[in-house]
């Protein structure tokens, strides 16, 4: 069955949720349950300027103070450590617009490289401080994963990305990551691995019985 993850490339909980899901899949495989993974777009900041903004200024305005922003970053960092991830907030200087990153993820899906591109985007932003709104940086990431550097030329996929993002909002989605199985909503948030295993087992059983 197909698991779709609605996410944004600048959502730290999406990176953590990815790790939890990766730990859940081998456990489910022991039960004979196999899944394919897809990634679908959502913009945490749909009104972000195309060039992005300085991260410190953006988060200070969003959360009311730099101190509150730093507290939230510390919570993310702690959750990341538990999932085996190191977040380098000190390297993250800009909050980017993610439309182009979503276009790249979409194109990578057509080439069978979607999960690899999502992983690399997370690493680039959260661990290396790379501006993943910069077309040149995205071209580098594409090339690193075996895609053509010119894959980001033009605006291919942009209308589709915006339409999917709008559809998610119209459906009432307000947070990511959100997980779907065969198109049915399961849960939102970076649930612990054990909780993901339980939810996916139950949902797989229900959908299998429905299809029988």
C-alpha atoms as a PDB file:
ATOM      1  CA  UNK A   1       0.000   0.000   0.000  1.00  0.00           C
ATOM      2  CA  UNK A   2       1.013   3.597  -0.567  1.00  0.00           C
ATOM      3  CA  UNK A   3       1.936   5.906   2.301  1.00  0.00           C
ATOM      4  CA  UNK A   4       1.872   9.565   1.312  1.00  0.00           C
ATOM      5  CA  UNK A   5       3.509  12.121   3.580  1.00  0.00           C
ATOM      6  CA  UNK A   6       2.337  15.708   3.273  1.00  0.00           C
ATOM      7  CA  UNK A   7       5.281  17.819   4.335  1.00  0.00           C
ATOM      8  CA  UNK A   8       7.367  20.927   3.882  1.00  0.00           C
ATOM      9  CA  UNK A   9      11.115  20.854   3.325  1.00  0.00           C
ATOM     10  CA  UNK A  10      11.661  23.328   6.178  1.00  0.00           C
ATOM     11  CA  UNK A  11       9.556  21.433   8.714  1.00  0.00           C
ATOM     12  CA  UNK A  12      11.860  19.870  11.335  1.00  0.00           C
ATOM     13  CA  UNK A  13       9.122  17.549  12.547  1.00  0.00           C
ATOM     14  CA  UNK A  14       8.828  16.197   9.007  1.00  0.00           C
ATOM     15  CA  UNK A  15      12.509  15.195   9.143  1.00  0.00           C
ATOM     16  CA  UNK A  16      11.967  13.579  12.536  1.00  0.00           C
ATOM     17  CA  UNK A  17       8.790  11.894  11.311  1.00  0.00           C
ATOM     18  CA  UNK A  18      10.717  10.509   8.349  1.00  0.00           C
ATOM     19  CA  UNK A  19      13.166   8.849  10.724  1.00  0.00           C
ATOM     20  CA  UNK A  20      10.354   7.406  12.833  1.00  0.00           C
ATOM     21  CA  UNK A  21       8.678   5.992   9.727  1.00  0.00           C
ATOM     22  CA  UNK A  22      11.967   4.519   8.506  1.00  0.00           C
ATOM     23  CA  UNK A  23      12.260   2.703  11.830  1.00  0.00           C
ATOM     24  CA  UNK A  24       8.634   1.523  11.613  1.00  0.00           C
ATOM     25  CA  UNK A  25       8.819  -0.001   8.138  1.00  0.00           C
ATOM     26  CA  UNK A  26      11.151  -2.939   8.992  1.00  0.00           C
ATOM     27  CA  UNK A  27       8.923  -3.813  11.960  1.00  0.00           C
ATOM     28  CA  UNK A  28       5.891  -3.853   9.687  1.00  0.00           C
ATOM     29  CA  UNK A  29       7.821  -5.892   7.125  1.00  0.00           C
ATOM     30  CA  UNK A  30       8.195  -8.628   9.738  1.00  0.00           C
ATOM     31  CA  UNK A  31       4.379  -8.875   9.637  1.00  0.00           C
ATOM     32  CA  UNK A  32       4.505  -9.164   5.858  1.00  0.00           C
ATOM     33  CA  UNK A  33       3.304  -5.587   5.358  1.00  0.00           C
ATOM     34  CA  UNK A  34       5.055  -3.665   2.591  1.00  0.00           C
ATOM     35  CA  UNK A  35       4.580  -0.017   1.709  1.00  0.00           C
ATOM     36  CA  UNK A  36       5.713   2.440  -0.928  1.00  0.00           C
ATOM     37  CA  UNK A  37       6.381   6.038   0.096  1.00  0.00           C
ATOM     38  CA  UNK A  38       5.389   9.273  -1.598  1.00  0.00           C
ATOM     39  CA  UNK A  39       5.862  12.917  -0.632  1.00  0.00           C
ATOM     40  CA  UNK A  40       3.258  15.607  -1.219  1.00  0.00           C
ATOM     41  CA  UNK A  41       3.654  19.386  -0.898  1.00  0.00           C
ATOM     42  CA  UNK A  42       2.577  21.786   1.795  1.00  0.00           C
ATOM     43  CA  UNK A  43       3.889  25.292   2.416  1.00  0.00           C
ATOM     44  CA  UNK A  44       4.266  26.316   6.027  1.00  0.00           C
ATOM     45  CA  UNK A  45       4.772  29.872   4.778  1.00  0.00           C
ATOM     46  CA  UNK A  46       2.724  30.299   1.591  1.00  0.00           C
ATOM     47  CA  UNK A  47       3.260  34.075   1.603  1.00  0.00           C
ATOM     48  CA  UNK A  48       7.050  33.873   1.957  1.00  0.00           C
ATOM     49  CA  UNK A  49       8.932  36.123  -0.523  1.00  0.00           C
ATOM     50  CA  UNK A  50      10.610  34.111  -3.271  1.00  0.00           C
ATOM     51  CA  UNK A  51      14.052  35.065  -1.976  1.00  0.00           C
ATOM     52  CA  UNK A  52      13.163  34.093   1.589  1.00  0.00           C
ATOM     53  CA  UNK A  53      13.934  36.187   4.660  1.00  0.00           C
ATOM     54  CA  UNK A  54      16.569  36.187   7.415  1.00  0.00           C
ATOM     55  CA  UNK A  55      15.595  33.365   9.770  1.00  0.00           C
ATOM     56  CA  UNK A  56      16.240  35.209  13.034  1.00  0.00           C
ATOM     57  CA  UNK A  57      14.050  38.149  12.054  1.00  0.00           C
ATOM     58  CA  UNK A  58      11.304  35.894  10.707  1.00  0.00           C
ATOM     59  CA  UNK A  59      11.122  33.672  13.777  1.00  0.00           C
ATOM     60  CA  UNK A  60      11.356  36.579  16.191  1.00  0.00           C
ATOM     61  CA  UNK A  61       8.341  38.149  14.514  1.00  0.00           C
ATOM     62  CA  UNK A  62       6.467  34.830  14.348  1.00  0.00           C
ATOM     63  CA  UNK A  63       7.040  33.759  17.952  1.00  0.00           C
ATOM     64  CA  UNK A  64       7.214  37.135  19.665  1.00  0.00           C
ATOM     65  CA  UNK A  65      10.848  37.071  20.750  1.00  0.00           C
ATOM     66  CA  UNK A  66      14.216  35.610  19.837  1.00  0.00           C
ATOM     67  CA  UNK A  67      14.289  33.825  23.189  1.00  0.00           C
ATOM     68  CA  UNK A  68      11.019  32.007  22.469  1.00  0.00           C
ATOM     69  CA  UNK A  69      12.314  31.019  19.037  1.00  0.00           C
ATOM     70  CA  UNK A  70      15.470  29.628  20.603  1.00  0.00           C
ATOM     71  CA  UNK A  71      13.438  27.662  23.147  1.00  0.00           C
ATOM     72  CA  UNK A  72      11.490  26.045  20.323  1.00  0.00           C
ATOM     73  CA  UNK A  73      14.697  25.272  18.445  1.00  0.00           C
ATOM     74  CA  UNK A  74      16.065  23.607  21.578  1.00  0.00           C
ATOM     75  CA  UNK A  75      12.988  21.399  21.790  1.00  0.00           C
ATOM     76  CA  UNK A  76      13.397  20.386  18.174  1.00  0.00           C
ATOM     77  CA  UNK A  77      17.085  19.665  18.722  1.00  0.00           C
ATOM     78  CA  UNK A  78      16.293  17.407  21.673  1.00  0.00           C
ATOM     79  CA  UNK A  79      13.660  15.485  19.714  1.00  0.00           C
ATOM     80  CA  UNK A  80      16.115  15.215  16.841  1.00  0.00           C
ATOM     81  CA  UNK A  81      18.779  13.643  19.033  1.00  0.00           C
ATOM     82  CA  UNK A  82      16.267  11.024  20.155  1.00  0.00           C
ATOM     83  CA  UNK A  83      15.611  10.223  16.480  1.00  0.00           C
ATOM     84  CA  UNK A  84      19.327  10.117  15.618  1.00  0.00           C
ATOM     85  CA  UNK A  85      19.415  13.558  13.999  1.00  0.00           C
ATOM     86  CA  UNK A  86      21.561  16.606  14.689  1.00  0.00           C
ATOM     87  CA  UNK A  87      19.921  19.944  13.895  1.00  0.00           C
ATOM     88  CA  UNK A  88      22.354  22.797  13.239  1.00  0.00           C
ATOM     89  CA  UNK A  89      20.196  25.819  13.928  1.00  0.00           C
ATOM     90  CA  UNK A  90      23.355  27.912  14.171  1.00  0.00           C
ATOM     91  CA  UNK A  91      23.945  27.369  10.439  1.00  0.00           C
ATOM     92  CA  UNK A  92      20.387  28.155   9.341  1.00  0.00           C
ATOM     93  CA  UNK A  93      20.538  31.813   8.336  1.00  0.00           C
ATOM     94  CA  UNK A  94      17.506  32.148   6.060  1.00  0.00           C
ATOM     95  CA  UNK A  95      13.940  30.883   5.987  1.00  0.00           C
ATOM     96  CA  UNK A  96      13.343  30.092   2.320  1.00  0.00           C
ATOM     97  CA  UNK A  97      10.334  29.991   0.085  1.00  0.00           C
ATOM     98  CA  UNK A  98       9.839  26.262  -0.616  1.00  0.00           C
ATOM     99  CA  UNK A  99       7.927  26.267  -3.908  1.00  0.00           C
ATOM    100  CA  UNK A 100      11.041  25.405  -5.915  1.00  0.00           C
ATOM    101  CA  UNK A 101      12.015  22.670  -3.457  1.00  0.00           C
ATOM    102  CA  UNK A 102       8.545  21.139  -3.853  1.00  0.00           C
ATOM    103  CA  UNK A 103       8.910  21.321  -7.630  1.00  0.00           C
ATOM    104  CA  UNK A 104      12.158  19.388  -7.318  1.00  0.00           C
ATOM    105  CA  UNK A 105      10.540  16.782  -5.066  1.00  0.00           C
ATOM    106  CA  UNK A 106       7.740  16.365  -7.586  1.00  0.00           C
ATOM    107  CA  UNK A 107      10.177  15.967 -10.481  1.00  0.00           C
ATOM    108  CA  UNK A 108      12.225  13.491  -8.465  1.00  0.00           C
ATOM    109  CA  UNK A 109       9.114  11.387  -7.955  1.00  0.00           C
ATOM    110  CA  UNK A 110       8.730  11.051 -11.699  1.00  0.00           C
ATOM    111  CA  UNK A 111      12.331   9.772 -11.831  1.00  0.00           C
ATOM    112  CA  UNK A 112      11.904   7.351  -8.906  1.00  0.00           C
ATOM    113  CA  UNK A 113      14.244   9.385  -6.692  1.00  0.00           C
ATOM    114  CA  UNK A 114      11.777  11.219  -4.513  1.00  0.00           C
ATOM    115  CA  UNK A 115      12.744   9.847  -1.116  1.00  0.00           C
ATOM    116  CA  UNK A 116      16.440  10.471  -1.792  1.00  0.00           C
ATOM    117  CA  UNK A 117      15.775  14.076  -2.784  1.00  0.00           C
ATOM    118  CA  UNK A 118      13.602  14.700   0.276  1.00  0.00           C
ATOM    119  CA  UNK A 119      16.344  13.302   2.504  1.00  0.00           C
ATOM    120  CA  UNK A 120      18.978  15.458   0.848  1.00  0.00           C
ATOM    121  CA  UNK A 121      16.856  18.599   1.151  1.00  0.00           C
ATOM    122  CA  UNK A 122      16.352  17.950   4.860  1.00  0.00           C
ATOM    123  CA  UNK A 123      20.069  17.374   5.360  1.00  0.00           C
ATOM    124  CA  UNK A 124      20.977  20.469   3.359  1.00  0.00           C
ATOM    125  CA  UNK A 125      18.679  22.808   5.262  1.00  0.00           C
ATOM    126  CA  UNK A 126      18.752  21.438   8.793  1.00  0.00           C
ATOM    127  CA  UNK A 127      22.303  20.148   9.000  1.00  0.00           C
ATOM    128  CA  UNK A 128      24.292  22.275   6.547  1.00  0.00           C
ATOM    129  CA  UNK A 129      22.418  25.578   6.565  1.00  0.00           C
ATOM    130  CA  UNK A 130      21.993  25.576   2.775  1.00  0.00           C
ATOM    131  CA  UNK A 131      19.369  27.958   1.380  1.00  0.00           C
ATOM    132  CA  UNK A 132      17.060  25.462  -0.318  1.00  0.00           C
ATOM    133  CA  UNK A 133      15.119  28.302  -1.908  1.00  0.00           C
ATOM    134  CA  UNK A 134      18.142  29.169  -4.045  1.00  0.00           C
ATOM    135  CA  UNK A 135      17.765  27.663  -7.559  1.00  0.00           C
ATOM    136  CA  UNK A 136      21.539  27.148  -7.847  1.00  0.00           C
ATOM    137  CA  UNK A 137      21.613  25.183  -4.601  1.00  0.00           C
ATOM    138  CA  UNK A 138      18.648  23.102  -5.755  1.00  0.00           C
ATOM    139  CA  UNK A 139      20.386  22.392  -9.066  1.00  0.00           C
ATOM    140  CA  UNK A 140      23.414  21.170  -7.093  1.00  0.00           C
ATOM    141  CA  UNK A 141      21.216  18.907  -4.970  1.00  0.00           C
ATOM    142  CA  UNK A 142      19.507  17.531  -8.076  1.00  0.00           C
ATOM    143  CA  UNK A 143      22.863  16.751  -9.693  1.00  0.00           C
ATOM    144  CA  UNK A 144      24.147  15.081  -6.518  1.00  0.00           C
ATOM    145  CA  UNK A 145      21.241  12.649  -6.677  1.00  0.00           C
ATOM    146  CA  UNK A 146      21.603  11.849 -10.360  1.00  0.00           C
ATOM    147  CA  UNK A 147      19.065  14.267 -11.789  1.00  0.00           C
ATOM    148  CA  UNK A 148      19.865  16.804 -14.542  1.00  0.00           C
ATOM    149  CA  UNK A 149      21.073  20.163 -13.260  1.00  0.00           C
ATOM    150  CA  UNK A 150      18.595  21.925 -15.537  1.00  0.00           C
ATOM    151  CA  UNK A 151      15.623  20.115 -14.003  1.00  0.00           C
ATOM    152  CA  UNK A 152      14.721  23.339 -12.201  1.00  0.00           C
ATOM    153  CA  UNK A 153      14.694  25.486 -15.352  1.00  0.00           C
ATOM    154  CA  UNK A 154      11.331  27.002 -16.169  1.00  0.00           C
ATOM    155  CA  UNK A 155       8.330  26.503 -13.915  1.00  0.00           C
ATOM    156  CA  UNK A 156       7.371  22.885 -14.634  1.00  0.00           C
ATOM    157  CA  UNK A 157       5.326  21.437 -11.811  1.00  0.00           C
ATOM    158  CA  UNK A 158       4.633  24.743 -10.097  1.00  0.00           C
ATOM    159  CA  UNK A 159       0.928  24.834 -10.911  1.00  0.00           C
ATOM    160  CA  UNK A 160       0.548  21.254  -9.699  1.00  0.00           C
ATOM    161  CA  UNK A 161       2.421  21.973  -6.458  1.00  0.00           C
ATOM    162  CA  UNK A 162       0.283  25.017  -5.748  1.00  0.00           C
ATOM    163  CA  UNK A 163      -2.888  23.057  -6.520  1.00  0.00           C
ATOM    164  CA  UNK A 164      -1.931  20.241  -4.130  1.00  0.00           C
ATOM    165  CA  UNK A 165      -1.027  22.729  -1.426  1.00  0.00           C
ATOM    166  CA  UNK A 166      -4.358  24.518  -1.867  1.00  0.00           C
ATOM    167  CA  UNK A 167      -6.256  21.208  -1.817  1.00  0.00           C
ATOM    168  CA  UNK A 168      -4.630  20.234   1.483  1.00  0.00           C
ATOM    169  CA  UNK A 169      -5.664  23.544   3.053  1.00  0.00           C
ATOM    170  CA  UNK A 170      -9.191  23.248   1.660  1.00  0.00           C
ATOM    171  CA  UNK A 171      -9.419  19.794   3.227  1.00  0.00           C
ATOM    172  CA  UNK A 172      -8.629  21.369   6.592  1.00  0.00           C
ATOM    173  CA  UNK A 173      -4.994  20.359   6.934  1.00  0.00           C
ATOM    174  CA  UNK A 174      -3.129  22.831   9.110  1.00  0.00           C
ATOM    175  CA  UNK A 175      -0.020  20.936  10.213  1.00  0.00           C
ATOM    176  CA  UNK A 176       2.676  18.674   8.882  1.00  0.00           C
ATOM    177  CA  UNK A 177       3.842  15.999   8.638  1.00  0.00           C
ATOM    178  CA  UNK A 178       0.519  14.362   7.861  1.00  0.00           C
ATOM    179  CA  UNK A 179       0.347  10.732   6.814  1.00  0.00           C
ATOM    180  CA  UNK A 180      -2.101   9.105   4.422  1.00  0.00           C
ATOM    181  CA  UNK A 181      -2.553   5.447   3.502  1.00  0.00           C
ATOM    182  CA  UNK A 182      -4.038   4.769   0.077  1.00  0.00           C
ATOM    183  CA  UNK A 183      -5.325   8.351   0.148  1.00  0.00           C
ATOM    184  CA  UNK A 184      -7.001   8.027   3.561  1.00  0.00           C
ATOM    185  CA  UNK A 185      -5.843  10.378   6.302  1.00  0.00           C
ATOM    186  CA  UNK A 186      -4.150   8.556   9.200  1.00  0.00           C
ATOM    187  CA  UNK A 187      -2.522  11.064  11.532  1.00  0.00           C
ATOM    188  CA  UNK A 188      -0.519  14.264  11.779  1.00  0.00           C
ATOM    189  CA  UNK A 189       2.718  14.801  13.642  1.00  0.00           C
ATOM    190  CA  UNK A 190       5.999  12.998  14.153  1.00  0.00           C
ATOM    191  CA  UNK A 191       4.452  10.178  16.167  1.00  0.00           C
ATOM    192  CA  UNK A 192       6.830   7.765  17.907  1.00  0.00           C
ATOM    193  CA  UNK A 193       7.798   4.714  15.887  1.00  0.00           C
ATOM    194  CA  UNK A 194       5.697   2.342  17.991  1.00  0.00           C
ATOM    195  CA  UNK A 195       2.595   4.491  17.513  1.00  0.00           C
ATOM    196  CA  UNK A 196       3.192   4.614  13.751  1.00  0.00           C
ATOM    197  CA  UNK A 197       3.500   0.830  13.635  1.00  0.00           C
ATOM    198  CA  UNK A 198       0.215   0.422  15.491  1.00  0.00           C
ATOM    199  CA  UNK A 199      -1.633   2.971  13.335  1.00  0.00           C
ATOM    200  CA  UNK A 200      -0.371   1.486  10.077  1.00  0.00           C
ATOM    201  CA  UNK A 201      -1.201  -2.071  11.162  1.00  0.00           C
ATOM    202  CA  UNK A 202      -4.764  -1.094  12.000  1.00  0.00           C
ATOM    203  CA  UNK A 203      -5.247   0.955   8.840  1.00  0.00           C
ATOM    204  CA  UNK A 204      -3.769  -1.783   6.649  1.00  0.00           C
ATOM    205  CA  UNK A 205      -6.134  -4.338   8.184  1.00  0.00           C
ATOM    206  CA  UNK A 206      -9.183  -2.109   7.699  1.00  0.00           C
ATOM    207  CA  UNK A 207      -8.354  -1.288   4.073  1.00  0.00           C
ATOM    208  CA  UNK A 208      -7.502  -4.917   3.281  1.00  0.00           C
ATOM    209  CA  UNK A 209     -10.827  -6.084   4.712  1.00  0.00           C
ATOM    210  CA  UNK A 210     -12.655  -3.393   2.761  1.00  0.00           C
ATOM    211  CA  UNK A 211     -10.995  -4.507  -0.461  1.00  0.00           C
ATOM    212  CA  UNK A 212     -11.681  -8.222   0.120  1.00  0.00           C
END
